[in-house]
Each structure stands twice: as C-alpha cells, then as structure tokens.
Amino acid sequence: MIASRLDPEKFRAWRKKLGWKREETASKLGISLSTVRNYEKGCRTDRDDVIIPLLVAWACAAIDAGLKPLGEE
C-alpha cells in the first residue's frame, strides 16, 4: 500500500467541510464505518498506526472537485 500525506486531522476536516456524518463518508468512499473512525483517530483499537492509503486520498480529492465515479451520471 502506498501511503498518502492525508493525515487524520485533514481527513476529519475534509469530511466536516462536506457536512457528512461518518456513515455517509464510509458509504461514499466504499469503506467501513470503523475504517473512517480509524482514519480519524490515526490508530486502530489494537493501537497500530493507521495509514490512509493514497487511493483514499485521491478519492477525497475527486469528490472535493465534484467528480463522480466512472459510470455514474
């Protein structure tokens, strides 16, 4: 996995800027609610650090730019 420079604080700020709850963020990014929570905390319950993948950072940037997934109208 390639790590991004998207840190937990920036990820949380991005979500809040969009006015999304964690559940909506998970749905839009195609990840689980627990993954969103882990990204925002920067760690999992087992205390391992969580690295936000570059793919997720790109998806956040695309959503921010108003892009939709390929195949959606």
PDB file of N, CA and C in Angstrom:
ATOM      1  N   MET A   1       0.839  -1.173   0.000  1.00  0.00           N
ATOM      2  CA  MET A   1       0.000   0.000   0.000  1.00  0.00           C
ATOM      3  C   MET A   1       0.889   1.243   0.000  1.00  0.00           C
ATOM      4  N   ILE A   2       0.524   2.205  -0.816  1.00  0.00           N
ATOM      5  CA  ILE A   2       1.241   3.472  -0.862  1.00  0.00           C
ATOM      6  C   ILE A   2       0.524   4.457   0.050  1.00  0.00           C
ATOM      7  N   ALA A   3       1.265   5.034   0.977  1.00  0.00           N
ATOM      8  CA  ALA A   3       0.682   5.977   1.933  1.00  0.00           C
ATOM      9  C   ALA A   3       0.510   7.345   1.284  1.00  0.00           C
ATOM     10  N   SER A   4      -0.463   8.062   1.779  1.00  0.00           N
ATOM     11  CA  SER A   4      -0.691   9.430   1.320  1.00  0.00           C
ATOM     12  C   SER A   4      -0.205  10.397   2.390  1.00  0.00           C
ATOM     13  N   ARG A   5      -0.269  11.654   2.087  1.00  0.00           N
ATOM     14  CA  ARG A   5       0.050  12.678   3.076  1.00  0.00           C
ATOM     15  C   ARG A   5      -1.211  13.165   3.773  1.00  0.00           C
ATOM     16  N   LEU A   6      -2.308  12.481   3.540  1.00  0.00           N
ATOM     17  CA  LEU A   6      -3.573  12.828   4.182  1.00  0.00           C
ATOM     18  C   LEU A   6      -3.538  12.298   5.611  1.00  0.00           C
ATOM     19  N   ASP A   7      -3.439  13.206   6.563  1.00  0.00           N
ATOM     20  CA  ASP A   7      -3.365  12.778   7.961  1.00  0.00           C
ATOM     21  C   ASP A   7      -4.761  12.807   8.595  1.00  0.00           C
ATOM     22  N   PRO A   8      -4.904  12.245   9.796  1.00  0.00           N
ATOM     23  CA  PRO A   8      -6.221  12.161  10.433  1.00  0.00           C
ATOM     24  C   PRO A   8      -6.929  13.510  10.559  1.00  0.00           C
ATOM     25  N   GLU A   9      -6.205  14.565  10.904  1.00  0.00           N
ATOM     26  CA  GLU A   9      -6.835  15.875  11.069  1.00  0.00           C
ATOM     27  C   GLU A   9      -7.363  16.413   9.744  1.00  0.00           C
ATOM     28  N   LYS A  10      -6.581  16.247   8.677  1.00  0.00           N
ATOM     29  CA  LYS A  10      -7.030  16.710   7.354  1.00  0.00           C
ATOM     30  C   LYS A  10      -8.221  15.885   6.863  1.00  0.00           C
ATOM     31  N   PHE A  11      -8.191  14.584   7.119  1.00  0.00           N
ATOM     32  CA  PHE A  11      -9.302  13.724   6.706  1.00  0.00           C
ATOM     33  C   PHE A  11     -10.588  14.143   7.415  1.00  0.00           C
ATOM     34  N   ARG A  12     -10.511  14.352   8.720  1.00  0.00           N
ATOM     35  CA  ARG A  12     -11.673  14.773   9.503  1.00  0.00           C
ATOM     36  C   ARG A  12     -12.179  16.139   9.020  1.00  0.00           C
ATOM     37  N   ALA A  13     -11.262  17.078   8.777  1.00  0.00           N
ATOM     38  CA  ALA A  13     -11.639  18.412   8.301  1.00  0.00           C
ATOM     39  C   ALA A  13     -12.324  18.333   6.939  1.00  0.00           C
ATOM     40  N   TRP A  14     -11.835  17.454   6.058  1.00  0.00           N
ATOM     41  CA  TRP A  14     -12.440  17.262   4.739  1.00  0.00           C
ATOM     42  C   TRP A  14     -13.878  16.775   4.892  1.00  0.00           C
ATOM     43  N   ARG A  15     -14.067  15.772   5.749  1.00  0.00           N
ATOM     44  CA  ARG A  15     -15.418  15.227   5.962  1.00  0.00           C
ATOM     45  C   ARG A  15     -16.345  16.301   6.504  1.00  0.00           C
ATOM     46  N   LYS A  16     -15.893  17.036   7.485  1.00  0.00           N
ATOM     47  CA  LYS A  16     -16.740  18.062   8.109  1.00  0.00           C
ATOM     48  C   LYS A  16     -17.035  19.198   7.149  1.00  0.00           C
ATOM     49  N   LYS A  17     -16.072  19.539   6.284  1.00  0.00           N
ATOM     50  CA  LYS A  17     -16.292  20.591   5.290  1.00  0.00           C
ATOM     51  C   LYS A  17     -17.454  20.226   4.366  1.00  0.00           C
ATOM     52  N   LEU A  18     -17.566  18.939   4.056  1.00  0.00           N
ATOM     53  CA  LEU A  18     -18.661  18.461   3.206  1.00  0.00           C
ATOM     54  C   LEU A  18     -19.972  18.329   3.978  1.00  0.00           C
ATOM     55  N   GLY A  19     -19.900  18.416   5.299  1.00  0.00           N
ATOM     56  CA  GLY A  19     -21.097  18.278   6.116  1.00  0.00           C
ATOM     57  C   GLY A  19     -21.581  16.847   6.240  1.00  0.00           C
ATOM     58  N   TRP A  20     -20.679  15.895   6.031  1.00  0.00           N
ATOM     59  CA  TRP A  20     -21.037  14.486   6.070  1.00  0.00           C
ATOM     60  C   TRP A  20     -20.823  13.903   7.453  1.00  0.00           C
ATOM     61  N   LYS A  21     -21.708  13.006   7.825  1.00  0.00           N
ATOM     62  CA  LYS A  21     -21.505  12.187   9.011  1.00  0.00           C
ATOM     63  C   LYS A  21     -20.544  11.059   8.630  1.00  0.00           C
ATOM     64  N   ARG A  22     -20.010  10.399   9.621  1.00  0.00           N
ATOM     65  CA  ARG A  22     -19.066   9.303   9.343  1.00  0.00           C
ATOM     66  C   ARG A  22     -19.699   8.211   8.491  1.00  0.00           C
ATOM     67  N   GLU A  23     -20.983   7.913   8.748  1.00  0.00           N
ATOM     68  CA  GLU A  23     -21.668   6.861   7.990  1.00  0.00           C
ATOM     69  C   GLU A  23     -21.743   7.216   6.505  1.00  0.00           C
ATOM     70  N   GLU A  24     -22.059   8.462   6.206  1.00  0.00           N
ATOM     71  CA  GLU A  24     -22.148   8.896   4.808  1.00  0.00           C
ATOM     72  C   GLU A  24     -20.768   8.858   4.145  1.00  0.00           C
ATOM     73  N   THR A  25     -19.752   9.269   4.880  1.00  0.00           N
ATOM     74  CA  THR A  25     -18.389   9.235   4.362  1.00  0.00           C
ATOM     75  C   THR A  25     -17.997   7.809   4.004  1.00  0.00           C
ATOM     76  N   ALA A  26     -18.290   6.879   4.894  1.00  0.00           N
ATOM     77  CA  ALA A  26     -17.980   5.467   4.632  1.00  0.00           C
ATOM     78  C   ALA A  26     -18.683   4.989   3.373  1.00  0.00           C
ATOM     79  N   SER A  27     -19.952   5.323   3.239  1.00  0.00           N
ATOM     80  CA  SER A  27     -20.728   4.899   2.077  1.00  0.00           C
ATOM     81  C   SER A  27     -20.171   5.499   0.786  1.00  0.00           C
ATOM     82  N   LYS A  28     -19.871   6.779   0.802  1.00  0.00           N
ATOM     83  CA  LYS A  28     -19.372   7.459  -0.403  1.00  0.00           C
ATOM     84  C   LYS A  28     -17.998   6.944  -0.826  1.00  0.00           C
ATOM     85  N   LEU A  29     -17.155   6.597   0.151  1.00  0.00           N
ATOM     86  CA  LEU A  29     -15.812   6.110  -0.166  1.00  0.00           C
ATOM     87  C   LEU A  29     -15.757   4.595  -0.352  1.00  0.00           C
ATOM     88  N   GLY A  30     -16.848   3.902  -0.029  1.00  0.00           N
ATOM     89  CA  GLY A  30     -16.874   2.447  -0.177  1.00  0.00           C
ATOM     90  C   GLY A  30     -16.009   1.736   0.849  1.00  0.00           C
ATOM     91  N   ILE A  31     -15.961   2.312   2.053  1.00  0.00           N
ATOM     92  CA  ILE A  31     -15.188   1.709   3.143  1.00  0.00           C
ATOM     93  C   ILE A  31     -16.104   1.547   4.349  1.00  0.00           C
ATOM     94  N   SER A  32     -15.654   0.834   5.341  1.00  0.00           N
ATOM     95  CA  SER A  32     -16.489   0.601   6.515  1.00  0.00           C
ATOM     96  C   SER A  32     -16.474   1.810   7.451  1.00  0.00           C
ATOM     97  N   LEU A  33     -17.495   1.885   8.283  1.00  0.00           N
ATOM     98  CA  LEU A  33     -17.576   2.940   9.285  1.00  0.00           C
ATOM     99  C   LEU A  33     -16.390   2.865  10.234  1.00  0.00           C
ATOM    100  N   SER A  34     -15.989   1.660  10.617  1.00  0.00           N
ATOM    101  CA  SER A  34     -14.844   1.523  11.523  1.00  0.00           C
ATOM    102  C   SER A  34     -13.560   2.025  10.867  1.00  0.00           C
ATOM    103  N   THR A  35     -13.438   1.878   9.554  1.00  0.00           N
ATOM    104  CA  THR A  35     -12.259   2.394   8.854  1.00  0.00           C
ATOM    105  C   THR A  35     -12.243   3.917   8.900  1.00  0.00           C
ATOM    106  N   VAL A  36     -13.397   4.546   8.705  1.00  0.00           N
ATOM    107  CA  VAL A  36     -13.472   6.007   8.813  1.00  0.00           C
ATOM    108  C   VAL A  36     -13.047   6.440  10.213  1.00  0.00           C
ATOM    109  N   ARG A  37     -13.561   5.770  11.222  1.00  0.00           N
ATOM    110  CA  ARG A  37     -13.179   6.099  12.603  1.00  0.00           C
ATOM    111  C   ARG A  37     -11.675   5.941  12.813  1.00  0.00           C
ATOM    112  N   ASN A  38     -11.126   4.856  12.297  1.00  0.00           N
ATOM    113  CA  ASN A  38      -9.682   4.620  12.441  1.00  0.00           C
ATOM    114  C   ASN A  38      -8.869   5.701  11.733  1.00  0.00           C
ATOM    115  N   TYR A  39      -9.292   6.090  10.532  1.00  0.00           N
ATOM    116  CA  TYR A  39      -8.592   7.148   9.806  1.00  0.00           C
ATOM    117  C   TYR A  39      -8.605   8.444  10.607  1.00  0.00           C
ATOM    118  N   GLU A  40      -9.731   8.745  11.249  1.00  0.00           N
ATOM    119  CA  GLU A  40      -9.839   9.991  12.007  1.00  0.00           C
ATOM    120  C   GLU A  40      -9.049   9.945  13.311  1.00  0.00           C
ATOM    121  N   LYS A  41      -8.931   8.765  13.902  1.00  0.00           N
ATOM    122  CA  LYS A  41      -8.145   8.622  15.139  1.00  0.00           C
ATOM    123  C   LYS A  41      -6.663   8.460  14.849  1.00  0.00           C
ATOM    124  N   GLY A  42      -6.354   7.911  13.685  1.00  0.00           N
ATOM    125  CA  GLY A  42      -4.962   7.646  13.340  1.00  0.00           C
ATOM    126  C   GLY A  42      -4.451   6.328  13.883  1.00  0.00           C
ATOM    127  N   CYS A  43      -5.343   5.563  14.523  1.00  0.00           N
ATOM    128  CA  CYS A  43      -4.950   4.249  15.035  1.00  0.00           C
ATOM    129  C   CYS A  43      -6.174   3.355  15.149  1.00  0.00           C
ATOM    130  N   ARG A  44      -5.905   2.056  15.262  1.00  0.00           N
ATOM    131  CA  ARG A  44      -6.975   1.085  15.480  1.00  0.00           C
ATOM    132  C   ARG A  44      -7.055   0.777  16.963  1.00  0.00           C
ATOM    133  N   THR A  45      -8.039  -0.016  17.342  1.00  0.00           N
ATOM    134  CA  THR A  45      -8.199  -0.349  18.758  1.00  0.00           C
ATOM    135  C   THR A  45      -7.005  -1.121  19.299  1.00  0.00           C
ATOM    136  N   ASP A  46      -6.282  -1.822  18.421  1.00  0.00           N
ATOM    137  CA  ASP A  46      -5.091  -2.547  18.872  1.00  0.00           C
ATOM    138  C   ASP A  46      -3.864  -1.627  18.941  1.00  0.00           C
ATOM    139  N   ARG A  47      -4.089  -0.344  18.704  1.00  0.00           N
ATOM    140  CA  ARG A  47      -3.082   0.717  18.816  1.00  0.00           C
ATOM    141  C   ARG A  47      -2.053   0.739  17.690  1.00  0.00           C
ATOM    142  N   ASP A  48      -2.273  -0.051  16.647  1.00  0.00           N
ATOM    143  CA  ASP A  48      -1.403   0.059  15.479  1.00  0.00           C
ATOM    144  C   ASP A  48      -1.735   1.355  14.754  1.00  0.00           C
ATOM    145  N   ASP A  49      -0.718   2.029  14.252  1.00  0.00           N
ATOM    146  CA  ASP A  49      -0.960   3.239  13.474  1.00  0.00           C
ATOM    147  C   ASP A  49      -1.727   2.895  12.206  1.00  0.00           C
ATOM    148  N   VAL A  50      -2.576   3.805  11.790  1.00  0.00           N
ATOM    149  CA  VAL A  50      -3.339   3.642  10.564  1.00  0.00           C
ATOM    150  C   VAL A  50      -2.788   4.623   9.542  1.00  0.00           C
ATOM    151  N   ILE A  51      -2.492   4.118   8.374  1.00  0.00           N
ATOM    152  CA  ILE A  51      -2.022   4.955   7.277  1.00  0.00           C
ATOM    153  C   ILE A  51      -3.155   5.061   6.269  1.00  0.00           C
ATOM    154  N   ILE A  52      -3.498   6.275   5.921  1.00  0.00           N
ATOM    155  CA  ILE A  52      -4.567   6.484   4.938  1.00  0.00           C
ATOM    156  C   ILE A  52      -3.964   6.231   3.552  1.00  0.00           C
ATOM    157  N   PRO A  53      -4.514   5.254   2.818  1.00  0.00           N
ATOM    158  CA  PRO A  53      -3.954   4.907   1.513  1.00  0.00           C
ATOM    159  C   PRO A  53      -4.066   6.056   0.507  1.00  0.00           C
ATOM    160  N   LEU A  54      -3.140   6.094  -0.418  1.00  0.00           N
ATOM    161  CA  LEU A  54      -3.136   7.102  -1.467  1.00  0.00           C
ATOM    162  C   LEU A  54      -4.434   7.051  -2.280  1.00  0.00           C
ATOM    163  N   LEU A  55      -4.958   5.863  -2.500  1.00  0.00           N
ATOM    164  CA  LEU A  55      -6.204   5.715  -3.245  1.00  0.00           C
ATOM    165  C   LEU A  55      -7.350   6.467  -2.563  1.00  0.00           C
ATOM    166  N   VAL A  56      -7.412   6.413  -1.244  1.00  0.00           N
ATOM    167  CA  VAL A  56      -8.452   7.130  -0.496  1.00  0.00           C
ATOM    168  C   VAL A  56      -8.232   8.635  -0.615  1.00  0.00           C
ATOM    169  N   ALA A  57      -6.980   9.073  -0.551  1.00  0.00           N
ATOM    170  CA  ALA A  57      -6.679  10.498  -0.708  1.00  0.00           C
ATOM    171  C   ALA A  57      -7.116  10.994  -2.088  1.00  0.00           C
ATOM    172  N   TRP A  58      -6.872  10.194  -3.123  1.00  0.00           N
ATOM    173  CA  TRP A  58      -7.310  10.559  -4.472  1.00  0.00           C
ATOM    174  C   TRP A  58      -8.829  10.617  -4.550  1.00  0.00           C
ATOM    175  N   ALA A  59      -9.504   9.663  -3.934  1.00  0.00           N
ATOM    176  CA  ALA A  59     -10.976   9.662  -3.940  1.00  0.00           C
ATOM    177  C   ALA A  59     -11.509  10.914  -3.243  1.00  0.00           C
ATOM    178  N   CYS A  60     -10.898  11.299  -2.133  1.00  0.00           N
ATOM    179  CA  CYS A  60     -11.305  12.518  -1.419  1.00  0.00           C
ATOM    180  C   CYS A  60     -11.121  13.738  -2.309  1.00  0.00           C
ATOM    181  N   ALA A  61      -9.996  13.802  -3.016  1.00  0.00           N
ATOM    182  CA  ALA A  61      -9.731  14.926  -3.912  1.00  0.00           C
ATOM    183  C   ALA A  61     -10.737  14.968  -5.062  1.00  0.00           C
ATOM    184  N   ALA A  62     -11.087  13.803  -5.598  1.00  0.00           N
ATOM    185  CA  ALA A  62     -12.050  13.741  -6.696  1.00  0.00           C
ATOM    186  C   ALA A  62     -13.430  14.210  -6.242  1.00  0.00           C
ATOM    187  N   ILE A  63     -13.849  13.765  -5.072  1.00  0.00           N
ATOM    188  CA  ILE A  63     -15.139  14.196  -4.525  1.00  0.00           C
ATOM    189  C   ILE A  63     -15.112  15.690  -4.284  1.00  0.00           C
ATOM    190  N   ASP A  64     -14.015  16.189  -3.746  1.00  0.00           N
ATOM    191  CA  ASP A  64     -13.851  17.617  -3.486  1.00  0.00           C
ATOM    192  C   ASP A  64     -13.964  18.428  -4.779  1.00  0.00           C
ATOM    193  N   ALA A  65     -13.498  17.860  -5.874  1.00  0.00           N
ATOM    194  CA  ALA A  65     -13.545  18.534  -7.177  1.00  0.00           C
ATOM    195  C   ALA A  65     -14.884  18.369  -7.874  1.00  0.00           C
ATOM    196  N   GLY A  66     -15.822  17.645  -7.237  1.00  0.00           N
ATOM    197  CA  GLY A  66     -17.145  17.469  -7.814  1.00  0.00           C
ATOM    198  C   GLY A  66     -17.240  16.337  -8.817  1.00  0.00           C
ATOM    199  N   LEU A  67     -16.224  15.492  -8.852  1.00  0.00           N
ATOM    200  CA  LEU A  67     -16.243  14.362  -9.798  1.00  0.00           C
ATOM    201  C   LEU A  67     -17.071  13.223  -9.240  1.00  0.00           C
ATOM    202  N   LYS A  68     -17.633  12.455 -10.144  1.00  0.00           N
ATOM    203  CA  LYS A  68     -18.412  11.272  -9.761  1.00  0.00           C
ATOM    204  C   LYS A  68     -17.675  10.030 -10.271  1.00  0.00           C
ATOM    205  N   PRO A  69     -17.955   8.875  -9.678  1.00  0.00           N
ATOM    206  CA  PRO A  69     -17.321   7.638 -10.172  1.00  0.00           C
ATOM    207  C   PRO A  69     -17.664   7.391 -11.639  1.00  0.00           C
ATOM    208  N   LEU A  70     -16.735   6.809 -12.349  1.00  0.00           N
ATOM    209  CA  LEU A  70     -16.994   6.461 -13.757  1.00  0.00           C
ATOM    210  C   LEU A  70     -18.236   5.587 -13.828  1.00  0.00           C
ATOM    211  N   GLY A  71     -19.073   5.850 -14.805  1.00  0.00           N
ATOM    212  CA  GLY A  71     -20.298   5.080 -14.966  1.00  0.00           C
ATOM    213  C   GLY A  71     -21.501   5.691 -14.306  1.00  0.00           C
ATOM    214  N   GLU A  72     -21.293   6.643 -13.390  1.00  0.00           N
ATOM    215  CA  GLU A  72     -22.416   7.351 -12.773  1.00  0.00           C
ATOM    216  C   GLU A  72     -22.724   8.591 -13.575  1.00  0.00           C
ATOM    217  N   GLU A  73     -23.980   8.918 -13.643  1.00  0.00           N
ATOM    218  CA  GLU A  73     -24.384  10.120 -14.395  1.00  0.00           C
ATOM    219  C   GLU A  73     -24.498  11.305 -13.489  1.00  0.00           C
TER     220      GLU A  73
END
